[in-house]
PDB file of all heavy atoms in Angstrom:
ATOM      1  N   ALA A   1     -13.919 146.752 -16.830  1.00  0.00           N
ATOM      2  CA  ALA A   1     -12.605 146.180 -16.543  1.00  0.00           C
ATOM      3  C   ALA A   1     -11.913 145.952 -17.891  1.00  0.00           C
ATOM      4  O   ALA A   1     -12.547 145.505 -18.903  1.00  0.00           O
ATOM      5  CB  ALA A   1     -12.735 144.849 -15.840  1.00  0.00           C
ATOM      6  N   ASP A   2     -10.646 146.287 -17.925  1.00  0.00           N
ATOM      7  CA  ASP A   2      -9.758 145.941 -19.047  1.00  0.00           C
ATOM      8  C   ASP A   2      -8.436 145.512 -18.475  1.00  0.00           C
ATOM      9  O   ASP A   2      -8.370 145.169 -17.271  1.00  0.00           O
ATOM     10  CB  ASP A   2      -9.603 147.118 -20.014  1.00  0.00           C
ATOM     11  CG  ASP A   2      -9.007 148.378 -19.389  1.00  0.00           C
ATOM     12  OD1 ASP A   2      -8.306 148.229 -18.384  1.00  0.00           O
ATOM     13  OD2 ASP A   2      -9.276 149.502 -19.918  1.00  0.00           O
ATOM     14  N   GLU A   3      -7.394 145.436 -19.281  1.00  0.00           N
ATOM     15  CA  GLU A   3      -6.143 144.918 -18.731  1.00  0.00           C
ATOM     16  C   GLU A   3      -5.394 145.885 -17.894  1.00  0.00           C
ATOM     17  O   GLU A   3      -4.359 145.572 -17.278  1.00  0.00           O
ATOM     18  CB  GLU A   3      -5.210 144.430 -19.886  1.00  0.00           C
ATOM     19  CG  GLU A   3      -4.834 145.574 -20.864  1.00  0.00           C
ATOM     20  CD  GLU A   3      -5.777 145.691 -22.009  1.00  0.00           C
ATOM     21  OE1 GLU A   3      -6.973 145.604 -21.865  1.00  0.00           O
ATOM     22  OE2 GLU A   3      -5.243 145.924 -23.152  1.00  0.00           O
ATOM     23  N   TYR A   4      -5.924 147.122 -17.742  1.00  0.00           N
ATOM     24  CA  TYR A   4      -5.247 148.139 -16.955  1.00  0.00           C
ATOM     25  C   TYR A   4      -5.973 148.545 -15.745  1.00  0.00           C
ATOM     26  O   TYR A   4      -5.337 148.808 -14.686  1.00  0.00           O
ATOM     27  CB  TYR A   4      -5.061 149.430 -17.877  1.00  0.00           C
ATOM     28  CG  TYR A   4      -4.204 149.138 -19.098  1.00  0.00           C
ATOM     29  CD1 TYR A   4      -4.802 149.159 -20.374  1.00  0.00           C
ATOM     30  CD2 TYR A   4      -2.861 148.894 -18.957  1.00  0.00           C
ATOM     31  CE1 TYR A   4      -4.020 148.895 -21.490  1.00  0.00           C
ATOM     32  CE2 TYR A   4      -2.067 148.680 -20.102  1.00  0.00           C
ATOM     33  CZ  TYR A   4      -2.679 148.658 -21.333  1.00  0.00           C
ATOM     34  OH  TYR A   4      -1.921 148.429 -22.480  1.00  0.00           O
ATOM     35  N   ILE A   5      -7.300 148.656 -15.754  1.00  0.00           N
ATOM     36  CA  ILE A   5      -8.052 149.173 -14.570  1.00  0.00           C
ATOM     37  C   ILE A   5      -9.323 148.336 -14.424  1.00  0.00           C
ATOM     38  O   ILE A   5      -9.738 147.638 -15.345  1.00  0.00           O
ATOM     39  CB  ILE A   5      -8.398 150.635 -14.655  1.00  0.00           C
ATOM     40  CG1 ILE A   5      -9.436 150.868 -15.780  1.00  0.00           C
ATOM     41  CG2 ILE A   5      -7.208 151.504 -14.857  1.00  0.00           C
ATOM     42  CD1 ILE A   5     -10.125 152.206 -15.759  1.00  0.00           C
ATOM     43  N   SER A   6      -9.846 148.386 -13.244  1.00  0.00           N
ATOM     44  CA  SER A   6     -11.250 147.847 -13.044  1.00  0.00           C
ATOM     45  C   SER A   6     -12.067 148.897 -12.280  1.00  0.00           C
ATOM     46  O   SER A   6     -11.480 149.654 -11.480  1.00  0.00           O
ATOM     47  CB  SER A   6     -11.179 146.545 -12.253  1.00  0.00           C
ATOM     48  OG  SER A   6     -10.805 146.746 -10.944  1.00  0.00           O
ATOM     49  N   VAL A   7     -13.344 148.918 -12.540  1.00  0.00           N
ATOM     50  CA  VAL A   7     -14.259 149.840 -11.861  1.00  0.00           C
ATOM     51  C   VAL A   7     -15.409 148.988 -11.323  1.00  0.00           C
ATOM     52  O   VAL A   7     -16.093 148.273 -12.089  1.00  0.00           O
ATOM     53  CB  VAL A   7     -14.782 150.935 -12.838  1.00  0.00           C
ATOM     54  CG1 VAL A   7     -15.738 151.835 -12.069  1.00  0.00           C
ATOM     55  CG2 VAL A   7     -13.689 151.733 -13.434  1.00  0.00           C
ATOM     56  N   ARG A   8     -15.646 149.062 -10.029  1.00  0.00           N
ATOM     57  CA  ARG A   8     -16.728 148.255  -9.450  1.00  0.00           C
ATOM     58  C   ARG A   8     -17.440 149.094  -8.352  1.00  0.00           C
ATOM     59  O   ARG A   8     -17.068 150.260  -8.102  1.00  0.00           O
ATOM     60  CB  ARG A   8     -16.202 146.977  -8.883  1.00  0.00           C
ATOM     61  CG  ARG A   8     -15.072 147.174  -7.854  1.00  0.00           C
ATOM     62  CD  ARG A   8     -14.356 145.814  -7.603  1.00  0.00           C
ATOM     63  NE  ARG A   8     -13.197 145.988  -6.709  1.00  0.00           N
ATOM     64  CZ  ARG A   8     -13.273 145.954  -5.398  1.00  0.00           C
ATOM     65  NH1 ARG A   8     -14.464 145.726  -4.821  1.00  0.00           N
ATOM     66  NH2 ARG A   8     -12.174 146.093  -4.683  1.00  0.00           N
ATOM     67  N   PHE A   9     -18.413 148.468  -7.709  1.00  0.00           N
ATOM     68  CA  PHE A   9     -19.167 149.203  -6.692  1.00  0.00           C
ATOM     69  C   PHE A   9     -19.102 148.437  -5.364  1.00  0.00           C
ATOM     70  O   PHE A   9     -18.920 147.243  -5.302  1.00  0.00           O
ATOM     71  CB  PHE A   9     -20.664 149.244  -7.152  1.00  0.00           C
ATOM     72  CG  PHE A   9     -20.902 150.001  -8.434  1.00  0.00           C
ATOM     73  CD1 PHE A   9     -20.960 149.298  -9.652  1.00  0.00           C
ATOM     74  CD2 PHE A   9     -21.053 151.340  -8.435  1.00  0.00           C
ATOM     75  CE1 PHE A   9     -21.156 149.944 -10.836  1.00  0.00           C
ATOM     76  CE2 PHE A   9     -21.286 152.041  -9.635  1.00  0.00           C
ATOM     77  CZ  PHE A   9     -21.345 151.347 -10.826  1.00  0.00           C
ATOM     78  N   SER A  10     -19.328 149.226  -4.296  1.00  0.00           N
ATOM     79  CA  SER A  10     -19.601 148.669  -2.965  1.00  0.00           C
ATOM     80  C   SER A  10     -20.681 149.462  -2.335  1.00  0.00           C
ATOM     81  O   SER A  10     -20.860 150.664  -2.642  1.00  0.00           O
ATOM     82  CB  SER A  10     -18.353 148.600  -2.114  1.00  0.00           C
ATOM     83  OG  SER A  10     -17.924 149.911  -1.688  1.00  0.00           O
ATOM     84  N   ILE A  11     -21.369 148.889  -1.369  1.00  0.00           N
ATOM     85  CA  ILE A  11     -22.442 149.556  -0.679  1.00  0.00           C
ATOM     86  C   ILE A  11     -22.061 149.616   0.790  1.00  0.00           C
ATOM     87  O   ILE A  11     -21.750 148.611   1.433  1.00  0.00           O
ATOM     88  CB  ILE A  11     -23.824 148.902  -0.858  1.00  0.00           C
ATOM     89  CG1 ILE A  11     -24.237 148.972  -2.319  1.00  0.00           C
ATOM     90  CG2 ILE A  11     -24.885 149.508   0.031  1.00  0.00           C
ATOM     91  CD1 ILE A  11     -25.507 148.255  -2.647  1.00  0.00           C
ATOM     92  N   GLY A  12     -22.053 150.852   1.352  1.00  0.00           N
ATOM     93  CA  GLY A  12     -21.725 151.054   2.794  1.00  0.00           C
ATOM     94  C   GLY A  12     -22.926 151.265   3.637  1.00  0.00           C
ATOM     95  O   GLY A  12     -24.024 151.663   3.146  1.00  0.00           O
ATOM     96  N   GLY A  13     -22.749 151.005   4.945  1.00  0.00           N
ATOM     97  CA  GLY A  13     -23.831 151.171   5.879  1.00  0.00           C
ATOM     98  C   GLY A  13     -24.463 149.906   6.306  1.00  0.00           C
ATOM     99  O   GLY A  13     -24.208 148.824   5.687  1.00  0.00           O
ATOM    100  N   VAL A  14     -25.255 149.921   7.298  1.00  0.00           N
ATOM    101  CA  VAL A  14     -25.888 148.719   7.876  1.00  0.00           C
ATOM    102  C   VAL A  14     -27.375 148.684   7.595  1.00  0.00           C
ATOM    103  O   VAL A  14     -28.095 149.656   7.758  1.00  0.00           O
ATOM    104  CB  VAL A  14     -25.712 148.681   9.397  1.00  0.00           C
ATOM    105  CG1 VAL A  14     -26.450 147.469  10.032  1.00  0.00           C
ATOM    106  CG2 VAL A  14     -24.237 148.643   9.733  1.00  0.00           C
ATOM    107  N   PHE A  15     -27.844 147.493   7.088  1.00  0.00           N
ATOM    108  CA  PHE A  15     -29.250 147.321   6.831  1.00  0.00           C
ATOM    109  C   PHE A  15     -29.814 146.562   8.072  1.00  0.00           C
ATOM    110  O   PHE A  15     -29.384 145.414   8.319  1.00  0.00           O
ATOM    111  CB  PHE A  15     -29.477 146.521   5.560  1.00  0.00           C
ATOM    112  CG  PHE A  15     -29.131 147.347   4.294  1.00  0.00           C
ATOM    113  CD1 PHE A  15     -27.774 147.463   3.930  1.00  0.00           C
ATOM    114  CD2 PHE A  15     -30.102 147.915   3.509  1.00  0.00           C
ATOM    115  CE1 PHE A  15     -27.400 148.182   2.794  1.00  0.00           C
ATOM    116  CE2 PHE A  15     -29.770 148.626   2.420  1.00  0.00           C
ATOM    117  CZ  PHE A  15     -28.442 148.796   2.027  1.00  0.00           C
ATOM    118  N   VAL A  16     -30.684 147.172   8.793  1.00  0.00           N
ATOM    119  CA  VAL A  16     -31.061 146.648  10.143  1.00  0.00           C
ATOM    120  C   VAL A  16     -31.941 145.402  10.078  1.00  0.00           C
ATOM    121  O   VAL A  16     -31.961 144.569  10.999  1.00  0.00           O
ATOM    122  CB  VAL A  16     -31.757 147.698  11.020  1.00  0.00           C
ATOM    123  CG1 VAL A  16     -30.739 148.823  11.267  1.00  0.00           C
ATOM    124  CG2 VAL A  16     -32.994 148.303  10.258  1.00  0.00           C
ATOM    125  N   THR A  17     -32.672 145.243   8.980  1.00  0.00           N
ATOM    126  CA  THR A  17     -33.497 144.010   8.750  1.00  0.00           C
ATOM    127  C   THR A  17     -33.453 143.598   7.310  1.00  0.00           C
ATOM    128  O   THR A  17     -33.027 144.380   6.450  1.00  0.00           O
ATOM    129  CB  THR A  17     -34.956 144.218   9.189  1.00  0.00           C
ATOM    130  OG1 THR A  17     -35.602 145.131   8.224  1.00  0.00           O
ATOM    131  CG2 THR A  17     -35.076 144.833  10.583  1.00  0.00           C
ATOM    132  N   ILE A  18     -33.980 142.446   7.007  1.00  0.00           N
ATOM    133  CA  ILE A  18     -34.047 141.984   5.612  1.00  0.00           C
ATOM    134  C   ILE A  18     -34.914 142.818   4.784  1.00  0.00           C
ATOM    135  O   ILE A  18     -34.855 142.877   3.567  1.00  0.00           O
ATOM    136  CB  ILE A  18     -34.449 140.468   5.564  1.00  0.00           C
ATOM    137  CG1 ILE A  18     -34.211 139.880   4.136  1.00  0.00           C
ATOM    138  CG2 ILE A  18     -35.900 140.339   6.005  1.00  0.00           C
ATOM    139  CD1 ILE A  18     -32.769 139.806   3.740  1.00  0.00           C
ATOM    140  N   ASP A  19     -35.872 143.512   5.428  1.00  0.00           N
ATOM    141  CA  ASP A  19     -36.800 144.354   4.715  1.00  0.00           C
ATOM    142  C   ASP A  19     -36.290 145.824   4.592  1.00  0.00           C
ATOM    143  O   ASP A  19     -36.971 146.672   3.983  1.00  0.00           O
ATOM    144  CB  ASP A  19     -38.180 144.414   5.430  1.00  0.00           C
ATOM    145  CG  ASP A  19     -38.814 142.993   5.398  1.00  0.00           C
ATOM    146  OD1 ASP A  19     -38.717 142.370   4.358  1.00  0.00           O
ATOM    147  OD2 ASP A  19     -39.330 142.599   6.445  1.00  0.00           O
ATOM    148  N   ASP A  20     -35.185 146.113   5.213  1.00  0.00           N
ATOM    149  CA  ASP A  20     -34.628 147.503   5.139  1.00  0.00           C
ATOM    150  C   ASP A  20     -34.136 147.726   3.686  1.00  0.00           C
ATOM    151  O   ASP A  20     -33.705 146.815   3.007  1.00  0.00           O
ATOM    152  CB  ASP A  20     -33.448 147.617   6.103  1.00  0.00           C
ATOM    153  CG  ASP A  20     -32.994 149.061   6.362  1.00  0.00           C
ATOM    154  OD1 ASP A  20     -33.709 149.959   5.811  1.00  0.00           O
ATOM    155  OD2 ASP A  20     -32.000 149.258   7.004  1.00  0.00           O
ATOM    156  N   ARG A  21     -34.242 148.976   3.253  1.00  0.00           N
ATOM    157  CA  ARG A  21     -33.867 149.317   1.869  1.00  0.00           C
ATOM    158  C   ARG A  21     -32.869 150.489   1.858  1.00  0.00           C
ATOM    159  O   ARG A  21     -32.763 151.211   2.843  1.00  0.00           O
ATOM    160  CB  ARG A  21     -35.143 149.692   1.011  1.00  0.00           C
ATOM    161  CG  ARG A  21     -36.037 148.519   0.825  1.00  0.00           C
ATOM    162  CD  ARG A  21     -35.394 147.376   0.052  1.00  0.00           C
ATOM    163  NE  ARG A  21     -36.268 146.205  -0.121  1.00  0.00           N
ATOM    164  CZ  ARG A  21     -36.244 145.135   0.630  1.00  0.00           C
ATOM    165  NH1 ARG A  21     -35.386 145.071   1.647  1.00  0.00           N
ATOM    166  NH2 ARG A  21     -37.042 144.123   0.364  1.00  0.00           N
ATOM    167  N   PHE A  22     -32.189 150.646   0.786  1.00  0.00           N
ATOM    168  CA  PHE A  22     -31.148 151.625   0.633  1.00  0.00           C
ATOM    169  C   PHE A  22     -31.730 153.049   0.930  1.00  0.00           C
ATOM    170  O   PHE A  22     -32.729 153.464   0.375  1.00  0.00           O
ATOM    171  CB  PHE A  22     -30.544 151.638  -0.798  1.00  0.00           C
ATOM    172  CG  PHE A  22     -29.344 152.563  -0.950  1.00  0.00           C
ATOM    173  CD1 PHE A  22     -28.104 152.076  -0.723  1.00  0.00           C
ATOM    174  CD2 PHE A  22     -29.541 153.867  -1.318  1.00  0.00           C
ATOM    175  CE1 PHE A  22     -26.983 152.850  -0.858  1.00  0.00           C
ATOM    176  CE2 PHE A  22     -28.401 154.683  -1.460  1.00  0.00           C
ATOM    177  CZ  PHE A  22     -27.153 154.183  -1.219  1.00  0.00           C
ATOM    178  N   ASP A  23     -31.048 153.722   1.836  1.00  0.00           N
ATOM    179  CA  ASP A  23     -31.444 155.084   2.317  1.00  0.00           C
ATOM    180  C   ASP A  23     -30.203 155.961   2.275  1.00  0.00           C
ATOM    181  O   ASP A  23     -29.200 155.695   2.960  1.00  0.00           O
ATOM    182  CB  ASP A  23     -32.008 154.969   3.720  1.00  0.00           C
ATOM    183  CG  ASP A  23     -32.438 156.353   4.244  1.00  0.00           C
ATOM    184  OD1 ASP A  23     -32.249 157.374   3.582  1.00  0.00           O
ATOM    185  OD2 ASP A  23     -32.941 156.404   5.390  1.00  0.00           O
ATOM    186  N   THR A  24     -30.230 156.997   1.467  1.00  0.00           N
ATOM    187  CA  THR A  24     -29.035 157.871   1.301  1.00  0.00           C
ATOM    188  C   THR A  24     -28.598 158.479   2.593  1.00  0.00           C
ATOM    189  O   THR A  24     -27.424 158.912   2.714  1.00  0.00           O
ATOM    190  CB  THR A  24     -29.271 158.951   0.217  1.00  0.00           C
ATOM    191  OG1 THR A  24     -30.439 159.671   0.604  1.00  0.00           O
ATOM    192  CG2 THR A  24     -29.511 158.369  -1.143  1.00  0.00           C
ATOM    193  N   ALA A  25     -29.508 158.599   3.560  1.00  0.00           N
ATOM    194  CA  ALA A  25     -29.113 159.169   4.817  1.00  0.00           C
ATOM    195  C   ALA A  25     -28.322 158.183   5.726  1.00  0.00           C
ATOM    196  O   ALA A  25     -27.539 158.621   6.567  1.00  0.00           O
ATOM    197  CB  ALA A  25     -30.370 159.599   5.583  1.00  0.00           C
ATOM    198  N   ARG A  26     -28.486 156.856   5.403  1.00  0.00           N
ATOM    199  CA  ARG A  26     -27.777 155.863   6.254  1.00  0.00           C
ATOM    200  C   ARG A  26     -26.840 154.948   5.463  1.00  0.00           C
ATOM    201  O   ARG A  26     -25.926 154.296   6.034  1.00  0.00           O
ATOM    202  CB  ARG A  26     -28.798 154.934   6.922  1.00  0.00           C
ATOM    203  CG  ARG A  26     -29.678 155.695   7.911  1.00  0.00           C
ATOM    204  CD  ARG A  26     -30.750 154.775   8.531  1.00  0.00           C
ATOM    205  NE  ARG A  26     -31.703 154.258   7.581  1.00  0.00           N
ATOM    206  CZ  ARG A  26     -31.842 152.992   7.226  1.00  0.00           C
ATOM    207  NH1 ARG A  26     -31.044 152.077   7.781  1.00  0.00           N
ATOM    208  NH2 ARG A  26     -32.726 152.631   6.334  1.00  0.00           N
ATOM    209  N   HIS A  27     -26.926 155.037   4.156  1.00  0.00           N
ATOM    210  CA  HIS A  27     -26.124 154.128   3.328  1.00  0.00           C
ATOM    211  C   HIS A  27     -25.392 154.943   2.230  1.00  0.00           C
ATOM    212  O   HIS A  27     -25.738 156.076   1.971  1.00  0.00           O
ATOM    213  CB  HIS A  27     -26.992 153.028   2.658  1.00  0.00           C
ATOM    214  CG  HIS A  27     -27.825 152.314   3.614  1.00  0.00           C
ATOM    215  ND1 HIS A  27     -29.227 152.345   3.596  1.00  0.00           N
ATOM    216  CD2 HIS A  27     -27.482 151.497   4.680  1.00  0.00           C
ATOM    217  CE1 HIS A  27     -29.689 151.567   4.576  1.00  0.00           C
ATOM    218  NE2 HIS A  27     -28.681 151.075   5.251  1.00  0.00           N
ATOM    219  N   SER A  28     -24.406 154.326   1.623  1.00  0.00           N
ATOM    220  CA  SER A  28     -23.678 155.000   0.540  1.00  0.00           C
ATOM    221  C   SER A  28     -23.341 153.989  -0.563  1.00  0.00           C
ATOM    222  O   SER A  28     -23.100 152.830  -0.245  1.00  0.00           O
ATOM    223  CB  SER A  28     -22.425 155.646   1.073  1.00  0.00           C
ATOM    224  OG  SER A  28     -21.543 154.651   1.626  1.00  0.00           O
ATOM    225  N   LEU A  29     -23.324 154.486  -1.762  1.00  0.00           N
ATOM    226  CA  LEU A  29     -22.899 153.691  -2.880  1.00  0.00           C
ATOM    227  C   LEU A  29     -21.501 154.208  -3.309  1.00  0.00           C
ATOM    228  O   LEU A  29     -21.368 155.368  -3.572  1.00  0.00           O
ATOM    229  CB  LEU A  29     -23.864 153.831  -4.102  1.00  0.00           C
ATOM    230  CG  LEU A  29     -23.439 153.086  -5.378  1.00  0.00           C
ATOM    231  CD1 LEU A  29     -23.354 151.579  -5.126  1.00  0.00           C
ATOM    232  CD2 LEU A  29     -24.322 153.446  -6.511  1.00  0.00           C
ATOM    233  N   ASN A  30     -20.501 153.340  -3.308  1.00  0.00           N
ATOM    234  CA  ASN A  30     -19.165 153.759  -3.556  1.00  0.00           C
ATOM    235  C   ASN A  30     -18.664 153.219  -4.876  1.00  0.00           C
ATOM    236  O   ASN A  30     -18.872 152.025  -5.191  1.00  0.00           O
ATOM    237  CB  ASN A  30     -18.238 153.267  -2.439  1.00  0.00           C
ATOM    238  CG  ASN A  30     -18.714 153.692  -1.050  1.00  0.00           C
ATOM    239  OD1 ASN A  30     -18.840 154.898  -0.799  1.00  0.00           O
ATOM    240  ND2 ASN A  30     -18.986 152.710  -0.207  1.00  0.00           N
ATOM    241  N   VAL A  31     -17.999 154.050  -5.653  1.00  0.00           N
ATOM    242  CA  VAL A  31     -17.407 153.664  -6.880  1.00  0.00           C
ATOM    243  C   VAL A  31     -15.893 153.416  -6.602  1.00  0.00           C
ATOM    244  O   VAL A  31     -15.224 154.279  -6.119  1.00  0.00           O
ATOM    245  CB  VAL A  31     -17.522 154.726  -8.002  1.00  0.00           C
ATOM    246  CG1 VAL A  31     -16.831 154.250  -9.311  1.00  0.00           C
ATOM    247  CG2 VAL A  31     -19.013 154.995  -8.255  1.00  0.00           C
ATOM    248  N   ILE A  32     -15.440 152.170  -6.821  1.00  0.00           N
ATOM    249  CA  ILE A  32     -14.058 151.760  -6.513  1.00  0.00           C
ATOM    250  C   ILE A  32     -13.304 151.511  -7.790  1.00  0.00           C
ATOM    251  O   ILE A  32     -13.734 150.729  -8.611  1.00  0.00           O
ATOM    252  CB  ILE A  32     -14.024 150.531  -5.630  1.00  0.00           C
ATOM    253  CG1 ILE A  32     -14.859 150.824  -4.331  1.00  0.00           C
ATOM    254  CG2 ILE A  32     -12.617 150.141  -5.274  1.00  0.00           C
ATOM    255  CD1 ILE A  32     -15.015 149.593  -3.469  1.00  0.00           C
ATOM    256  N   THR A  33     -12.188 152.193  -7.941  1.00  0.00           N
ATOM    257  CA  THR A  33     -11.334 151.913  -9.067  1.00  0.00           C
ATOM    258  C   THR A  33      -9.973 151.368  -8.563  1.00  0.00           C
ATOM    259  O   THR A  33      -9.505 151.743  -7.544  1.00  0.00           O
ATOM    260  CB  THR A  33     -11.042 153.253  -9.910  1.00  0.00           C
ATOM    261  OG1 THR A  33     -10.364 154.203  -9.010  1.00  0.00           O
ATOM    262  CG2 THR A  33     -12.300 153.817 -10.418  1.00  0.00           C
ATOM    263  N   SER A  34      -9.416 150.442  -9.321  1.00  0.00           N
ATOM    264  CA  SER A  34      -8.097 149.880  -8.939  1.00  0.00           C
ATOM    265  C   SER A  34      -7.329 149.531 -10.191  1.00  0.00           C
ATOM    266  O   SER A  34      -7.933 149.254 -11.263  1.00  0.00           O
ATOM    267  CB  SER A  34      -8.313 148.652  -8.099  1.00  0.00           C
ATOM    268  OG  SER A  34      -9.098 147.677  -8.738  1.00  0.00           O
ATOM    269  N   LEU A  35      -6.027 149.606 -10.089  1.00  0.00           N
ATOM    270  CA  LEU A  35      -5.152 149.218 -11.194  1.00  0.00           C
ATOM    271  C   LEU A  35      -5.014 147.740 -11.269  1.00  0.00           C
ATOM    272  O   LEU A  35      -4.972 147.017 -10.240  1.00  0.00           O
ATOM    273  CB  LEU A  35      -3.770 149.893 -10.975  1.00  0.00           C
ATOM    274  CG  LEU A  35      -3.741 151.397 -10.998  1.00  0.00           C
ATOM    275  CD1 LEU A  35      -2.276 151.830 -10.731  1.00  0.00           C
ATOM    276  CD2 LEU A  35      -4.180 151.956 -12.313  1.00  0.00           C
ATOM    277  N   LYS A  36      -4.885 147.197 -12.505  1.00  0.00           N
ATOM    278  CA  LYS A  36      -4.711 145.760 -12.705  1.00  0.00           C
ATOM    279  C   LYS A  36      -3.214 145.440 -12.622  1.00  0.00           C
ATOM    280  O   LYS A  36      -2.367 146.317 -12.627  1.00  0.00           O
ATOM    281  CB  LYS A  36      -5.316 145.365 -14.048  1.00  0.00           C
ATOM    282  CG  LYS A  36      -6.814 145.660 -14.197  1.00  0.00           C
ATOM    283  CD  LYS A  36      -7.650 144.784 -13.288  1.00  0.00           C
ATOM    284  CE  LYS A  36      -7.940 143.460 -13.853  1.00  0.00           C
ATOM    285  NZ  LYS A  36      -8.816 143.467 -15.061  1.00  0.00           N
ATOM    286  N   GLN A  37      -2.919 144.173 -12.674  1.00  0.00           N
ATOM    287  CA  GLN A  37      -1.580 143.748 -12.450  1.00  0.00           C
ATOM    288  C   GLN A  37      -0.596 144.253 -13.512  1.00  0.00           C
ATOM    289  O   GLN A  37       0.598 144.510 -13.256  1.00  0.00           O
ATOM    290  CB  GLN A  37      -1.498 142.202 -12.443  1.00  0.00           C
ATOM    291  CG  GLN A  37      -0.178 141.622 -11.984  1.00  0.00           C
ATOM    292  CD  GLN A  37       0.286 142.045 -10.597  1.00  0.00           C
ATOM    293  OE1 GLN A  37      -0.603 142.209  -9.736  1.00  0.00           O
ATOM    294  NE2 GLN A  37       1.523 142.237 -10.386  1.00  0.00           N
ATOM    295  N   GLN A  38      -1.083 144.449 -14.736  1.00  0.00           N
ATOM    296  CA  GLN A  38      -0.201 144.941 -15.808  1.00  0.00           C
ATOM    297  C   GLN A  38       0.386 146.315 -15.459  1.00  0.00           C
ATOM    298  O   GLN A  38       1.531 146.653 -15.834  1.00  0.00           O
ATOM    299  CB  GLN A  38      -0.989 145.050 -17.147  1.00  0.00           C
ATOM    300  CG  GLN A  38      -0.087 145.488 -18.298  1.00  0.00           C
ATOM    301  CD  GLN A  38      -0.649 144.966 -19.622  1.00  0.00           C
ATOM    302  OE1 GLN A  38      -1.297 143.946 -19.704  1.00  0.00           O
ATOM    303  NE2 GLN A  38      -0.373 145.744 -20.660  1.00  0.00           N
ATOM    304  N   MET A  39      -0.400 147.129 -14.670  1.00  0.00           N
ATOM    305  CA  MET A  39       0.130 148.440 -14.215  1.00  0.00           C
ATOM    306  C   MET A  39       0.905 148.297 -12.972  1.00  0.00           C
ATOM    307  O   MET A  39       2.006 148.849 -12.798  1.00  0.00           O
ATOM    308  CB  MET A  39      -1.039 149.358 -14.048  1.00  0.00           C
ATOM    309  CG  MET A  39      -1.862 149.598 -15.259  1.00  0.00           C
ATOM    310  SD  MET A  39      -0.902 150.481 -16.569  1.00  0.00           S
ATOM    311  CE  MET A  39      -0.836 152.084 -15.839  1.00  0.00           C
ATOM    312  N   LEU A  40       0.406 147.488 -11.997  1.00  0.00           N
ATOM    313  CA  LEU A  40       1.068 147.380 -10.726  1.00  0.00           C
ATOM    314  C   LEU A  40       2.448 146.726 -10.848  1.00  0.00           C
ATOM    315  O   LEU A  40       3.341 147.123 -10.097  1.00  0.00           O
ATOM    316  CB  LEU A  40       0.191 146.548  -9.773  1.00  0.00           C
ATOM    317  CG  LEU A  40      -1.139 147.159  -9.420  1.00  0.00           C
ATOM    318  CD1 LEU A  40      -1.971 146.152  -8.562  1.00  0.00           C
ATOM    319  CD2 LEU A  40      -0.993 148.398  -8.604  1.00  0.00           C
ATOM    320  N   SER A  41       2.585 145.830 -11.794  1.00  0.00           N
ATOM    321  CA  SER A  41       3.849 145.133 -11.957  1.00  0.00           C
ATOM    322  C   SER A  41       4.990 146.080 -12.398  1.00  0.00           C
ATOM    323  O   SER A  41       6.174 145.762 -12.203  1.00  0.00           O
ATOM    324  CB  SER A  41       3.739 143.952 -12.892  1.00  0.00           C
ATOM    325  OG  SER A  41       3.390 144.443 -14.196  1.00  0.00           O
ATOM    326  N   ARG A  42       4.670 147.222 -12.980  1.00  0.00           N
ATOM    327  CA  ARG A  42       5.727 148.179 -13.392  1.00  0.00           C
ATOM    328  C   ARG A  42       6.440 148.730 -12.211  1.00  0.00           C
ATOM    329  O   ARG A  42       7.526 149.266 -12.363  1.00  0.00           O
ATOM    330  CB  ARG A  42       5.079 149.259 -14.224  1.00  0.00           C
ATOM    331  CG  ARG A  42       4.592 148.826 -15.610  1.00  0.00           C
ATOM    332  CD  ARG A  42       5.633 148.043 -16.361  1.00  0.00           C
ATOM    333  NE  ARG A  42       6.860 148.817 -16.558  1.00  0.00           N
ATOM    334  CZ  ARG A  42       7.093 149.650 -17.655  1.00  0.00           C
ATOM    335  NH1 ARG A  42       6.140 149.755 -18.550  1.00  0.00           N
ATOM    336  NH2 ARG A  42       8.227 150.232 -17.706  1.00  0.00           N
ATOM    337  N   GLY A  43       5.852 148.625 -11.035  1.00  0.00           N
ATOM    338  CA  GLY A  43       6.589 149.105  -9.860  1.00  0.00           C
ATOM    339  C   GLY A  43       7.866 148.308  -9.628  1.00  0.00           C
ATOM    340  O   GLY A  43       8.805 148.775  -8.950  1.00  0.00           O
ATOM    341  N   LEU A  44       7.961 147.099 -10.114  1.00  0.00           N
ATOM    342  CA  LEU A  44       9.170 146.278 -10.011  1.00  0.00           C
ATOM    343  C   LEU A  44      10.307 146.892 -10.786  1.00  0.00           C
ATOM    344  O   LEU A  44      11.494 146.542 -10.514  1.00  0.00           O
ATOM    345  CB  LEU A  44       8.895 144.841 -10.480  1.00  0.00           C
ATOM    346  CG  LEU A  44       7.793 144.062  -9.668  1.00  0.00           C
ATOM    347  CD1 LEU A  44       7.546 142.755 -10.370  1.00  0.00           C
ATOM    348  CD2 LEU A  44       8.216 143.869  -8.260  1.00  0.00           C
TER     349      LEU A  44
END
């Protein structure tokens, strides 16, 4: 993260029990990027 963008992660899919573990066939790791307010405010 800096004053312009942020990069973070999210995990998709359902873990059926507390002992379930990440499985590429059922889950996904997503990289999420978003603009920070310094960039978004230029839309004004």
